[in-house]
Amino acid sequence: MMKKIGIISDTHGFWDKAFKRYFSECDEIWHAGDIGHLNIIDQLKEIAPLKAVFGNIDNNIIRQEYQEDEVFEYKNQKIFITHIAGKLGSYYKNCREKIALHKPDILICGHSHICKVAYDKKHQLLYINPGAAGIIGFHKVRTIIRLELNDDGINNLEVIELKRKLS
């Protein structure tokens, strides 16, 4: 069985109606932190079940509802979601330790506001950073990701560029 997943990060309290349009067919949504406001969570949950982690800008209310990390399995894929991981292949020490402990097949992170999907040969995992979906930060283009998770891994991964930020 296939699961359609929407991946988002760094909303910083900004809601875009496009989230609903692009995630409406998703079975789950994963938010990789810097949510910014609980209303973002509420609106995403109206679209599909949500897995989320808190980010460095998130307040105590969000930190009481969500953990720093989510580690779970779907079929034969282990997924690790965290907000701050570091750059592909040169992760921060605490993230390297968690990768060594959990041995994920897929690492989902945010924080950098840079959309990047690449295979990390050294750690044998797929690195997915959906970039930033909000309007706060240096990024010029807002991005989210959609993918299909099957028994044999990921198919049909799409990077979706949202309306540009106002400069």
C-alpha atoms as a PDB file:
ATOM      1  CA  MET A   1       0.000   0.000   0.000  1.00  0.00           C
ATOM      2  CA  MET A   2       1.157   3.498  -0.832  1.00  0.00           C
ATOM      3  CA  LYS A   3       0.950   6.559   1.390  1.00  0.00           C
ATOM      4  CA  LYS A   4       0.982  10.062  -0.047  1.00  0.00           C
ATOM      5  CA  ILE A   5       2.941  12.414   2.235  1.00  0.00           C
ATOM      6  CA  GLY A   6       3.108  16.212   2.295  1.00  0.00           C
ATOM      7  CA  ILE A   7       6.272  17.675   3.838  1.00  0.00           C
ATOM      8  CA  ILE A   8       6.509  21.250   5.086  1.00  0.00           C
ATOM      9  CA  SER A   9       8.806  23.278   7.318  1.00  0.00           C
ATOM     10  CA  ASP A  10       9.503  26.786   8.559  1.00  0.00           C
ATOM     11  CA  THR A  11       5.992  28.189   8.253  1.00  0.00           C
ATOM     12  CA  HIS A  12       6.806  30.684  11.029  1.00  0.00           C
ATOM     13  CA  GLY A  13       3.096  31.206  11.686  1.00  0.00           C
ATOM     14  CA  PHE A  14       2.260  31.923   8.021  1.00  0.00           C
ATOM     15  CA  TRP A  15      -0.726  30.144   6.463  1.00  0.00           C
ATOM     16  CA  ASP A  16      -1.096  29.843   2.708  1.00  0.00           C
ATOM     17  CA  LYS A  17      -4.301  28.451   1.140  1.00  0.00           C
ATOM     18  CA  ALA A  18      -1.989  26.618  -1.282  1.00  0.00           C
ATOM     19  CA  PHE A  19      -1.059  24.208   1.546  1.00  0.00           C
ATOM     20  CA  LYS A  20      -4.603  22.847   1.449  1.00  0.00           C
ATOM     21  CA  ARG A  21      -4.626  22.684  -2.345  1.00  0.00           C
ATOM     22  CA  TYR A  22      -1.341  20.748  -2.558  1.00  0.00           C
ATOM     23  CA  PHE A  23      -1.846  18.532   0.492  1.00  0.00           C
ATOM     24  CA  SER A  24      -5.559  17.720   0.064  1.00  0.00           C
ATOM     25  CA  GLU A  25      -4.821  14.282  -1.419  1.00  0.00           C
ATOM     26  CA  CYS A  26      -2.159  13.429   1.165  1.00  0.00           C
ATOM     27  CA  ASP A  27      -2.628  10.633   3.697  1.00  0.00           C
ATOM     28  CA  GLU A  28      -0.316  12.436   6.169  1.00  0.00           C
ATOM     29  CA  ILE A  29       1.499  15.739   6.540  1.00  0.00           C
ATOM     30  CA  TRP A  30       4.918  16.012   8.197  1.00  0.00           C
ATOM     31  CA  HIS A  31       6.019  19.407   9.576  1.00  0.00           C
ATOM     32  CA  ALA A  32       9.766  19.719  10.262  1.00  0.00           C
ATOM     33  CA  GLY A  33       9.574  22.563  12.773  1.00  0.00           C
ATOM     34  CA  ASP A  34       9.439  26.329  13.168  1.00  0.00           C
ATOM     35  CA  ILE A  35       5.671  26.033  13.105  1.00  0.00           C
ATOM     36  CA  GLY A  36       5.254  29.488  14.620  1.00  0.00           C
ATOM     37  CA  HIS A  37       1.654  29.272  15.802  1.00  0.00           C
ATOM     38  CA  LEU A  38      -0.775  26.525  16.832  1.00  0.00           C
ATOM     39  CA  ASN A  39      -3.325  27.662  14.242  1.00  0.00           C
ATOM     40  CA  ILE A  40      -0.954  26.312  11.576  1.00  0.00           C
ATOM     41  CA  ILE A  41      -1.171  22.893  13.247  1.00  0.00           C
ATOM     42  CA  ASP A  42      -4.960  23.103  13.502  1.00  0.00           C
ATOM     43  CA  GLN A  43      -5.334  23.976   9.822  1.00  0.00           C
ATOM     44  CA  LEU A  44      -2.918  21.252   8.670  1.00  0.00           C
ATOM     45  CA  LYS A  45      -4.769  18.677  10.821  1.00  0.00           C
ATOM     46  CA  GLU A  46      -7.994  19.595   9.015  1.00  0.00           C
ATOM     47  CA  ILE A  47      -6.350  18.446   5.775  1.00  0.00           C
ATOM     48  CA  ALA A  48      -4.715  15.197   6.950  1.00  0.00           C
ATOM     49  CA  PRO A  49      -3.220  13.499  10.038  1.00  0.00           C
ATOM     50  CA  LEU A  50      -0.086  15.348  11.141  1.00  0.00           C
ATOM     51  CA  LYS A  51       3.335  14.423  12.476  1.00  0.00           C
ATOM     52  CA  ALA A  52       5.370  17.427  13.606  1.00  0.00           C
ATOM     53  CA  VAL A  53       8.431  18.468  15.596  1.00  0.00           C
ATOM     54  CA  PHE A  54       9.150  21.815  17.217  1.00  0.00           C
ATOM     55  CA  GLY A  55      11.771  24.189  15.893  1.00  0.00           C
ATOM     56  CA  ASN A  56      14.009  26.804  17.490  1.00  0.00           C
ATOM     57  CA  ILE A  57      11.429  29.619  17.150  1.00  0.00           C
ATOM     58  CA  ASP A  58       8.546  27.594  18.577  1.00  0.00           C
ATOM     59  CA  ASN A  59       7.137  28.597  21.951  1.00  0.00           C
ATOM     60  CA  ASN A  60       6.429  26.487  25.035  1.00  0.00           C
ATOM     61  CA  ILE A  61       2.852  25.755  23.959  1.00  0.00           C
ATOM     62  CA  ILE A  62       4.078  24.091  20.762  1.00  0.00           C
ATOM     63  CA  ARG A  63       6.953  22.427  22.640  1.00  0.00           C
ATOM     64  CA  GLN A  64       4.451  20.870  25.066  1.00  0.00           C
ATOM     65  CA  GLU A  65       2.489  19.363  22.156  1.00  0.00           C
ATOM     66  CA  TYR A  66       5.422  18.204  20.026  1.00  0.00           C
ATOM     67  CA  GLN A  67       8.852  16.672  20.561  1.00  0.00           C
ATOM     68  CA  GLU A  68      12.217  17.740  19.191  1.00  0.00           C
ATOM     69  CA  ASP A  69      12.351  14.536  17.114  1.00  0.00           C
ATOM     70  CA  GLU A  70       9.945  12.008  15.628  1.00  0.00           C
ATOM     71  CA  VAL A  71      11.221   8.542  14.753  1.00  0.00           C
ATOM     72  CA  PHE A  72       8.825   6.007  13.284  1.00  0.00           C
ATOM     73  CA  GLU A  73       8.561   3.258  10.698  1.00  0.00           C
ATOM     74  CA  TYR A  74       6.344   2.870   7.697  1.00  0.00           C
ATOM     75  CA  LYS A  75       6.610  -0.550   6.062  1.00  0.00           C
ATOM     76  CA  ASN A  76      10.371  -1.145   5.826  1.00  0.00           C
ATOM     77  CA  GLN A  77      11.371   2.546   5.971  1.00  0.00           C
ATOM     78  CA  LYS A  78      12.566   4.218   9.178  1.00  0.00           C
ATOM     79  CA  ILE A  79      11.904   7.959   9.206  1.00  0.00           C
ATOM     80  CA  PHE A  80      13.608  10.526  11.437  1.00  0.00           C
ATOM     81  CA  ILE A  81      12.146  14.047  11.555  1.00  0.00           C
ATOM     82  CA  THR A  82      14.024  16.830  13.338  1.00  0.00           C
ATOM     83  CA  HIS A  83      14.238  20.582  12.817  1.00  0.00           C
ATOM     84  CA  ILE A  84      17.973  21.274  12.980  1.00  0.00           C
ATOM     85  CA  ALA A  85      20.136  18.590  11.382  1.00  0.00           C
ATOM     86  CA  GLY A  86      22.929  20.532   9.726  1.00  0.00           C
ATOM     87  CA  LYS A  87      24.106  20.259   6.139  1.00  0.00           C
ATOM     88  CA  LEU A  88      23.806  17.121   4.065  1.00  0.00           C
ATOM     89  CA  GLY A  89      26.578  14.749   5.181  1.00  0.00           C
ATOM     90  CA  SER A  90      28.041  17.094   7.815  1.00  0.00           C
ATOM     91  CA  TYR A  91      25.366  17.046  10.476  1.00  0.00           C
ATOM     92  CA  TYR A  92      25.572  18.656  13.890  1.00  0.00           C
ATOM     93  CA  LYS A  93      26.982  16.377  16.600  1.00  0.00           C
ATOM     94  CA  ASN A  94      23.660  15.673  18.336  1.00  0.00           C
ATOM     95  CA  CYS A  95      22.049  14.832  14.982  1.00  0.00           C
ATOM     96  CA  ARG A  96      24.932  12.519  14.012  1.00  0.00           C
ATOM     97  CA  GLU A  97      24.462  10.711  17.318  1.00  0.00           C
ATOM     98  CA  LYS A  98      20.721  10.290  16.679  1.00  0.00           C
ATOM     99  CA  ILE A  99      21.389   9.060  13.131  1.00  0.00           C
ATOM    100  CA  ALA A 100      23.841   6.487  14.543  1.00  0.00           C
ATOM    101  CA  LEU A 101      21.279   5.443  17.178  1.00  0.00           C
ATOM    102  CA  HIS A 102      18.163   5.226  14.984  1.00  0.00           C
ATOM    103  CA  LYS A 103      19.758   4.380  11.604  1.00  0.00           C
ATOM    104  CA  PRO A 104      16.985   6.051   9.578  1.00  0.00           C
ATOM    105  CA  ASP A 105      16.402   5.444   5.890  1.00  0.00           C
ATOM    106  CA  ILE A 106      14.960   8.939   5.520  1.00  0.00           C
ATOM    107  CA  LEU A 107      15.953  12.140   7.355  1.00  0.00           C
ATOM    108  CA  ILE A 108      13.459  15.006   7.207  1.00  0.00           C
ATOM    109  CA  CYS A 109      14.676  18.373   8.513  1.00  0.00           C
ATOM    110  CA  GLY A 110      14.164  22.111   8.124  1.00  0.00           C
ATOM    111  CA  HIS A 111      15.822  25.213   9.595  1.00  0.00           C
ATOM    112  CA  SER A 112      18.106  26.179   6.690  1.00  0.00           C
ATOM    113  CA  HIS A 113      15.258  27.502   4.486  1.00  0.00           C
ATOM    114  CA  ILE A 114      17.068  25.742   1.613  1.00  0.00           C
ATOM    115  CA  CYS A 115      15.148  23.044  -0.226  1.00  0.00           C
ATOM    116  CA  LYS A 116      17.358  20.010  -0.805  1.00  0.00           C
ATOM    117  CA  VAL A 117      16.739  16.345  -1.539  1.00  0.00           C
ATOM    118  CA  ALA A 118      19.792  14.105  -1.912  1.00  0.00           C
ATOM    119  CA  TYR A 119      21.087  10.678  -0.980  1.00  0.00           C
ATOM    120  CA  ASP A 120      23.730  10.676   1.754  1.00  0.00           C
ATOM    121  CA  LYS A 121      25.993   7.713   0.920  1.00  0.00           C
ATOM    122  CA  LYS A 122      28.034   8.057   4.114  1.00  0.00           C
ATOM    123  CA  HIS A 123      24.998   7.692   6.411  1.00  0.00           C
ATOM    124  CA  GLN A 124      22.960   5.638   3.900  1.00  0.00           C
ATOM    125  CA  LEU A 125      19.868   7.806   4.104  1.00  0.00           C
ATOM    126  CA  LEU A 126      17.763  10.077   1.964  1.00  0.00           C
ATOM    127  CA  TYR A 127      18.091  13.682   3.145  1.00  0.00           C
ATOM    128  CA  ILE A 128      14.929  15.757   2.626  1.00  0.00           C
ATOM    129  CA  ASN A 129      14.676  19.426   3.550  1.00  0.00           C
ATOM    130  CA  PRO A 130      11.486  20.936   2.107  1.00  0.00           C
ATOM    131  CA  GLY A 131      12.833  24.477   2.409  1.00  0.00           C
ATOM    132  CA  ALA A 132      10.704  27.214   3.959  1.00  0.00           C
ATOM    133  CA  ALA A 133       6.959  27.573   3.403  1.00  0.00           C
ATOM    134  CA  GLY A 134       6.638  30.797   5.383  1.00  0.00           C
ATOM    135  CA  ILE A 135       7.480  34.391   4.532  1.00  0.00           C
ATOM    136  CA  ILE A 136      10.040  35.078   7.273  1.00  0.00           C
ATOM    137  CA  GLY A 137      13.688  34.501   6.342  1.00  0.00           C
ATOM    138  CA  PHE A 138      16.233  35.103   3.598  1.00  0.00           C
ATOM    139  CA  HIS A 139      14.760  32.617   1.092  1.00  0.00           C
ATOM    140  CA  LYS A 140      13.307  34.034  -2.128  1.00  0.00           C
ATOM    141  CA  VAL A 141      11.166  31.043  -3.079  1.00  0.00           C
ATOM    142  CA  ARG A 142       8.794  29.204  -0.725  1.00  0.00           C
ATOM    143  CA  THR A 143       8.733  25.428  -1.167  1.00  0.00           C
ATOM    144  CA  ILE A 144       6.980  22.280   0.074  1.00  0.00           C
ATOM    145  CA  ILE A 145       7.349  18.636  -0.944  1.00  0.00           C
ATOM    146  CA  ARG A 146       4.961  15.836  -1.823  1.00  0.00           C
ATOM    147  CA  LEU A 147       5.948  12.196  -2.226  1.00  0.00           C
ATOM    148  CA  GLU A 148       4.630   8.663  -2.230  1.00  0.00           C
ATOM    149  CA  LEU A 149       5.972   6.172   0.295  1.00  0.00           C
ATOM    150  CA  ASN A 150       5.722   2.531  -0.794  1.00  0.00           C
ATOM    151  CA  ASP A 151       7.107  -0.814   0.346  1.00  0.00           C
ATOM    152  CA  ASP A 152      10.122  -0.237  -1.894  1.00  0.00           C
ATOM    153  CA  GLY A 153      10.803   3.375  -0.839  1.00  0.00           C
ATOM    154  CA  ILE A 154       9.872   6.746  -2.284  1.00  0.00           C
ATOM    155  CA  ASN A 155       8.208   7.435  -5.617  1.00  0.00           C
ATOM    156  CA  ASN A 156       6.914  10.551  -7.353  1.00  0.00           C
ATOM    157  CA  LEU A 157       8.712  13.076  -5.157  1.00  0.00           C
ATOM    158  CA  GLU A 158       7.761  16.616  -6.158  1.00  0.00           C
ATOM    159  CA  VAL A 159       9.205  19.921  -5.024  1.00  0.00           C
ATOM    160  CA  ILE A 160       6.422  22.493  -5.223  1.00  0.00           C
ATOM    161  CA  GLU A 161       7.305  26.154  -5.547  1.00  0.00           C
ATOM    162  CA  LEU A 162       4.708  28.368  -3.939  1.00  0.00           C
ATOM    163  CA  LYS A 163       3.998  31.978  -4.787  1.00  0.00           C
ATOM    164  CA  ARG A 164       7.113  34.096  -4.421  1.00  0.00           C
ATOM    165  CA  LYS A 165       7.669  36.208  -1.348  1.00  0.00           C
ATOM    166  CA  LEU A 166       6.997  39.919  -1.574  1.00  0.00           C
ATOM    167  CA  SER A 167      10.319  41.700  -1.470  1.00  0.00           C
END
